[in-house]
Amino acid sequence: MITTPVTAMHENGVTYYTPAQIQYSFGFPEDKTVCQWCPFCYASGELKRYVCRITGELLPYPFTSRGMRCPVIFEDKEVE
C-alpha cells in the first residue's frame, strides 16, 4: 500500500480552496437536450432517483426536461 503524507493540510483541516473551472464538450443525440442524455446525469440508489453530478440537484423529470440549475451552455448552430 502506498501512502502519501498530507503536508498541504492545516492541522485543523483545509484553510481555503483554490477556485478552478473546467470546460468539457459533449453532444446530445438529435437535439434531445434533456437530462436523460447528459453524461452527468445518473440514477442514485435503489429507488433510481436521478441526480446531476455537477449541481447535486435531484431531477424529477430527467426524461422530459433539464434541471432548474442546469449549467450546460448550448452552442449556436451554424446555418448553412
N, C-alpha and C. Protein backbone atom coordinates (compact mmCIF):
# COMPACT_ATOMS: atom_id res chain seq x y z
N MET A 1 0.84 -1.18 0.00
CA MET A 1 0.00 0.00 0.00
C MET A 1 0.89 1.24 0.00
N ILE A 2 0.59 2.17 -0.91
CA ILE A 2 1.35 3.40 -0.99
C ILE A 2 0.61 4.48 -0.20
N THR A 3 1.32 5.15 0.68
CA THR A 3 0.70 6.25 1.41
C THR A 3 1.44 7.53 1.10
N THR A 4 0.68 8.59 0.99
CA THR A 4 1.26 9.90 0.71
C THR A 4 1.02 10.79 1.91
N PRO A 5 2.05 11.42 2.43
CA PRO A 5 1.83 12.29 3.58
C PRO A 5 0.99 13.51 3.19
N VAL A 6 0.11 13.91 4.07
CA VAL A 6 -0.73 15.07 3.82
C VAL A 6 -0.01 16.29 4.40
N THR A 7 0.76 16.97 3.55
CA THR A 7 1.55 18.09 4.03
C THR A 7 0.88 19.43 3.73
N ALA A 8 -0.06 19.46 2.78
CA ALA A 8 -0.69 20.72 2.41
C ALA A 8 -1.89 21.04 3.30
N MET A 9 -2.21 20.18 4.22
CA MET A 9 -3.37 20.38 5.09
C MET A 9 -2.97 21.14 6.35
N HIS A 10 -3.83 22.00 6.81
CA HIS A 10 -3.69 22.68 8.09
C HIS A 10 -4.02 21.65 9.16
N GLU A 11 -3.47 21.76 10.32
CA GLU A 11 -3.73 20.72 11.34
C GLU A 11 -5.19 20.63 11.74
N ASN A 12 -5.97 21.69 11.52
CA ASN A 12 -7.40 21.66 11.83
C ASN A 12 -8.26 21.49 10.59
N GLY A 13 -7.66 21.14 9.46
CA GLY A 13 -8.40 20.94 8.22
C GLY A 13 -7.93 21.91 7.16
N VAL A 14 -8.68 22.00 6.10
CA VAL A 14 -8.34 22.86 4.97
C VAL A 14 -8.62 24.31 5.35
N THR A 15 -7.68 25.20 5.08
CA THR A 15 -7.89 26.61 5.41
C THR A 15 -8.58 27.37 4.28
N TYR A 16 -8.40 26.95 3.03
CA TYR A 16 -9.10 27.56 1.90
C TYR A 16 -8.99 26.65 0.69
N TYR A 17 -9.84 26.91 -0.31
CA TYR A 17 -9.79 26.18 -1.57
C TYR A 17 -9.41 27.14 -2.69
N THR A 18 -8.65 26.68 -3.63
CA THR A 18 -8.28 27.47 -4.80
C THR A 18 -9.33 27.27 -5.88
N PRO A 19 -9.98 28.35 -6.34
CA PRO A 19 -11.03 28.20 -7.36
C PRO A 19 -10.47 27.66 -8.68
N ALA A 20 -11.28 26.87 -9.36
CA ALA A 20 -10.89 26.31 -10.65
C ALA A 20 -12.16 26.09 -11.48
N GLN A 21 -12.00 26.00 -12.78
CA GLN A 21 -13.11 25.72 -13.68
C GLN A 21 -12.69 24.66 -14.68
N ILE A 22 -13.68 24.04 -15.30
CA ILE A 22 -13.40 23.05 -16.32
C ILE A 22 -14.30 23.33 -17.52
N GLN A 23 -13.79 23.12 -18.69
CA GLN A 23 -14.60 23.22 -19.91
C GLN A 23 -14.62 21.83 -20.53
N TYR A 24 -15.81 21.31 -20.76
CA TYR A 24 -15.99 19.95 -21.25
C TYR A 24 -17.07 19.98 -22.32
N SER A 25 -16.77 19.50 -23.50
CA SER A 25 -17.75 19.48 -24.59
C SER A 25 -18.32 18.09 -24.78
N PHE A 26 -19.62 18.03 -25.02
CA PHE A 26 -20.28 16.76 -25.31
C PHE A 26 -21.51 17.07 -26.14
N GLY A 27 -22.14 16.06 -26.67
CA GLY A 27 -23.31 16.27 -27.51
C GLY A 27 -24.53 15.52 -27.02
N PHE A 28 -25.68 16.06 -27.36
CA PHE A 28 -26.95 15.40 -27.11
C PHE A 28 -27.40 14.78 -28.43
N PRO A 29 -27.99 13.60 -28.41
CA PRO A 29 -28.42 12.97 -29.67
C PRO A 29 -29.64 13.67 -30.27
N GLU A 30 -29.53 14.08 -31.51
CA GLU A 30 -30.65 14.61 -32.30
C GLU A 30 -31.48 15.66 -31.56
N ASP A 31 -30.82 16.63 -30.94
CA ASP A 31 -31.48 17.74 -30.22
C ASP A 31 -32.33 17.29 -29.03
N LYS A 32 -32.08 16.12 -28.51
CA LYS A 32 -32.78 15.65 -27.30
C LYS A 32 -32.00 16.17 -26.09
N THR A 33 -32.27 17.43 -25.73
CA THR A 33 -31.47 18.12 -24.72
C THR A 33 -32.08 18.01 -23.32
N VAL A 34 -32.36 16.80 -22.90
CA VAL A 34 -32.89 16.55 -21.56
C VAL A 34 -31.86 15.79 -20.74
N CYS A 35 -32.03 15.79 -19.45
CA CYS A 35 -31.05 15.19 -18.54
C CYS A 35 -30.73 13.73 -18.86
N GLN A 36 -31.71 13.01 -19.32
CA GLN A 36 -31.52 11.59 -19.62
C GLN A 36 -30.29 11.34 -20.48
N TRP A 37 -29.99 12.24 -21.41
CA TRP A 37 -28.90 12.05 -22.36
C TRP A 37 -27.61 12.74 -21.95
N CYS A 38 -27.61 13.39 -20.81
CA CYS A 38 -26.42 14.10 -20.34
C CYS A 38 -25.47 13.13 -19.62
N PRO A 39 -24.18 13.20 -19.88
CA PRO A 39 -23.24 12.29 -19.21
C PRO A 39 -23.09 12.56 -17.72
N PHE A 40 -23.63 13.68 -17.23
CA PHE A 40 -23.54 14.00 -15.81
C PHE A 40 -24.78 13.60 -15.03
N CYS A 41 -25.75 12.97 -15.69
CA CYS A 41 -26.98 12.51 -15.06
C CYS A 41 -26.82 11.03 -14.69
N TYR A 42 -27.20 10.68 -13.45
CA TYR A 42 -27.12 9.28 -13.06
C TYR A 42 -28.25 8.91 -12.12
N ALA A 43 -28.57 7.63 -12.07
CA ALA A 43 -29.60 7.12 -11.18
C ALA A 43 -28.94 6.70 -9.88
N SER A 44 -29.43 7.23 -8.77
CA SER A 44 -28.82 7.00 -7.47
C SER A 44 -29.66 6.06 -6.62
N GLY A 45 -29.02 5.08 -6.03
CA GLY A 45 -29.66 4.21 -5.05
C GLY A 45 -30.68 3.24 -5.62
N GLU A 46 -31.31 2.53 -4.71
CA GLU A 46 -32.29 1.50 -5.09
C GLU A 46 -33.54 2.10 -5.72
N LEU A 47 -33.89 3.33 -5.33
CA LEU A 47 -35.10 3.95 -5.86
C LEU A 47 -34.88 4.58 -7.23
N LYS A 48 -33.64 4.56 -7.72
CA LYS A 48 -33.29 5.11 -9.03
C LYS A 48 -33.70 6.58 -9.16
N ARG A 49 -33.38 7.36 -8.14
CA ARG A 49 -33.60 8.80 -8.21
C ARG A 49 -32.49 9.40 -9.06
N TYR A 50 -32.87 10.19 -10.03
CA TYR A 50 -31.88 10.77 -10.93
C TYR A 50 -31.30 12.04 -10.31
N VAL A 51 -29.98 12.17 -10.44
CA VAL A 51 -29.24 13.27 -9.83
C VAL A 51 -28.24 13.82 -10.84
N CYS A 52 -27.99 15.14 -10.77
CA CYS A 52 -26.97 15.76 -11.60
C CYS A 52 -25.64 15.72 -10.84
N ARG A 53 -24.61 15.19 -11.47
CA ARG A 53 -23.29 15.11 -10.82
C ARG A 53 -22.65 16.48 -10.66
N ILE A 54 -23.06 17.46 -11.44
CA ILE A 54 -22.46 18.79 -11.35
C ILE A 54 -23.11 19.60 -10.23
N THR A 55 -24.43 19.67 -10.21
CA THR A 55 -25.12 20.53 -9.24
C THR A 55 -25.60 19.79 -8.00
N GLY A 56 -25.69 18.46 -8.08
CA GLY A 56 -26.24 17.69 -6.96
C GLY A 56 -27.75 17.73 -6.89
N GLU A 57 -28.36 18.36 -7.89
CA GLU A 57 -29.81 18.52 -7.93
C GLU A 57 -30.52 17.20 -8.20
N LEU A 58 -31.60 16.93 -7.45
CA LEU A 58 -32.46 15.80 -7.75
C LEU A 58 -33.28 16.17 -8.98
N LEU A 59 -33.38 15.25 -9.93
CA LEU A 59 -34.02 15.52 -11.21
C LEU A 59 -35.32 14.73 -11.31
N PRO A 60 -36.45 15.37 -11.03
CA PRO A 60 -37.72 14.64 -11.02
C PRO A 60 -38.19 14.20 -12.40
N TYR A 61 -37.80 14.91 -13.46
CA TYR A 61 -38.25 14.58 -14.81
C TYR A 61 -37.08 14.52 -15.78
N PRO A 62 -36.13 13.60 -15.58
CA PRO A 62 -34.94 13.58 -16.43
C PRO A 62 -35.21 13.17 -17.88
N PHE A 63 -36.37 12.58 -18.15
CA PHE A 63 -36.68 12.11 -19.50
C PHE A 63 -37.43 13.16 -20.32
N THR A 64 -37.87 14.25 -19.67
CA THR A 64 -38.65 15.26 -20.39
C THR A 64 -38.15 16.68 -20.23
N SER A 65 -37.20 16.92 -19.32
CA SER A 65 -36.72 18.29 -19.10
C SER A 65 -35.30 18.29 -18.56
N ARG A 66 -34.78 19.50 -18.33
CA ARG A 66 -33.49 19.69 -17.68
C ARG A 66 -33.72 20.26 -16.29
N GLY A 67 -32.76 20.05 -15.42
CA GLY A 67 -32.87 20.57 -14.06
C GLY A 67 -32.90 22.09 -14.02
N MET A 68 -33.46 22.64 -12.95
CA MET A 68 -33.58 24.09 -12.79
C MET A 68 -32.21 24.76 -12.67
N ARG A 69 -31.22 24.04 -12.19
CA ARG A 69 -29.88 24.61 -12.02
C ARG A 69 -28.89 24.08 -13.06
N CYS A 70 -29.38 23.62 -14.19
CA CYS A 70 -28.53 23.05 -15.24
C CYS A 70 -27.52 24.09 -15.74
N PRO A 71 -26.21 23.80 -15.65
CA PRO A 71 -25.20 24.75 -16.08
C PRO A 71 -24.76 24.59 -17.54
N VAL A 72 -25.39 23.67 -18.27
CA VAL A 72 -24.98 23.41 -19.65
C VAL A 72 -25.27 24.62 -20.53
N ILE A 73 -24.28 25.01 -21.31
CA ILE A 73 -24.41 26.11 -22.25
C ILE A 73 -24.41 25.51 -23.66
N PHE A 74 -25.44 25.84 -24.42
CA PHE A 74 -25.57 25.29 -25.76
C PHE A 74 -24.94 26.24 -26.77
N GLU A 75 -24.21 25.65 -27.71
CA GLU A 75 -23.58 26.41 -28.78
C GLU A 75 -24.63 26.71 -29.84
N ASP A 76 -24.50 27.88 -30.47
CA ASP A 76 -25.40 28.23 -31.58
C ASP A 76 -25.08 27.35 -32.77
N LYS A 77 -26.13 26.88 -33.44
CA LYS A 77 -25.91 26.09 -34.65
C LYS A 77 -25.60 27.02 -35.81
N GLU A 78 -24.67 26.62 -36.64
CA GLU A 78 -24.36 27.41 -37.83
C GLU A 78 -25.38 27.11 -38.90
N VAL A 79 -25.90 28.14 -39.52
CA VAL A 79 -26.87 27.98 -40.59
C VAL A 79 -26.11 27.84 -41.90
N GLU A 80 -26.43 26.79 -42.64
CA GLU A 80 -25.74 26.56 -43.93
C GLU A 80 -26.48 27.20 -45.06
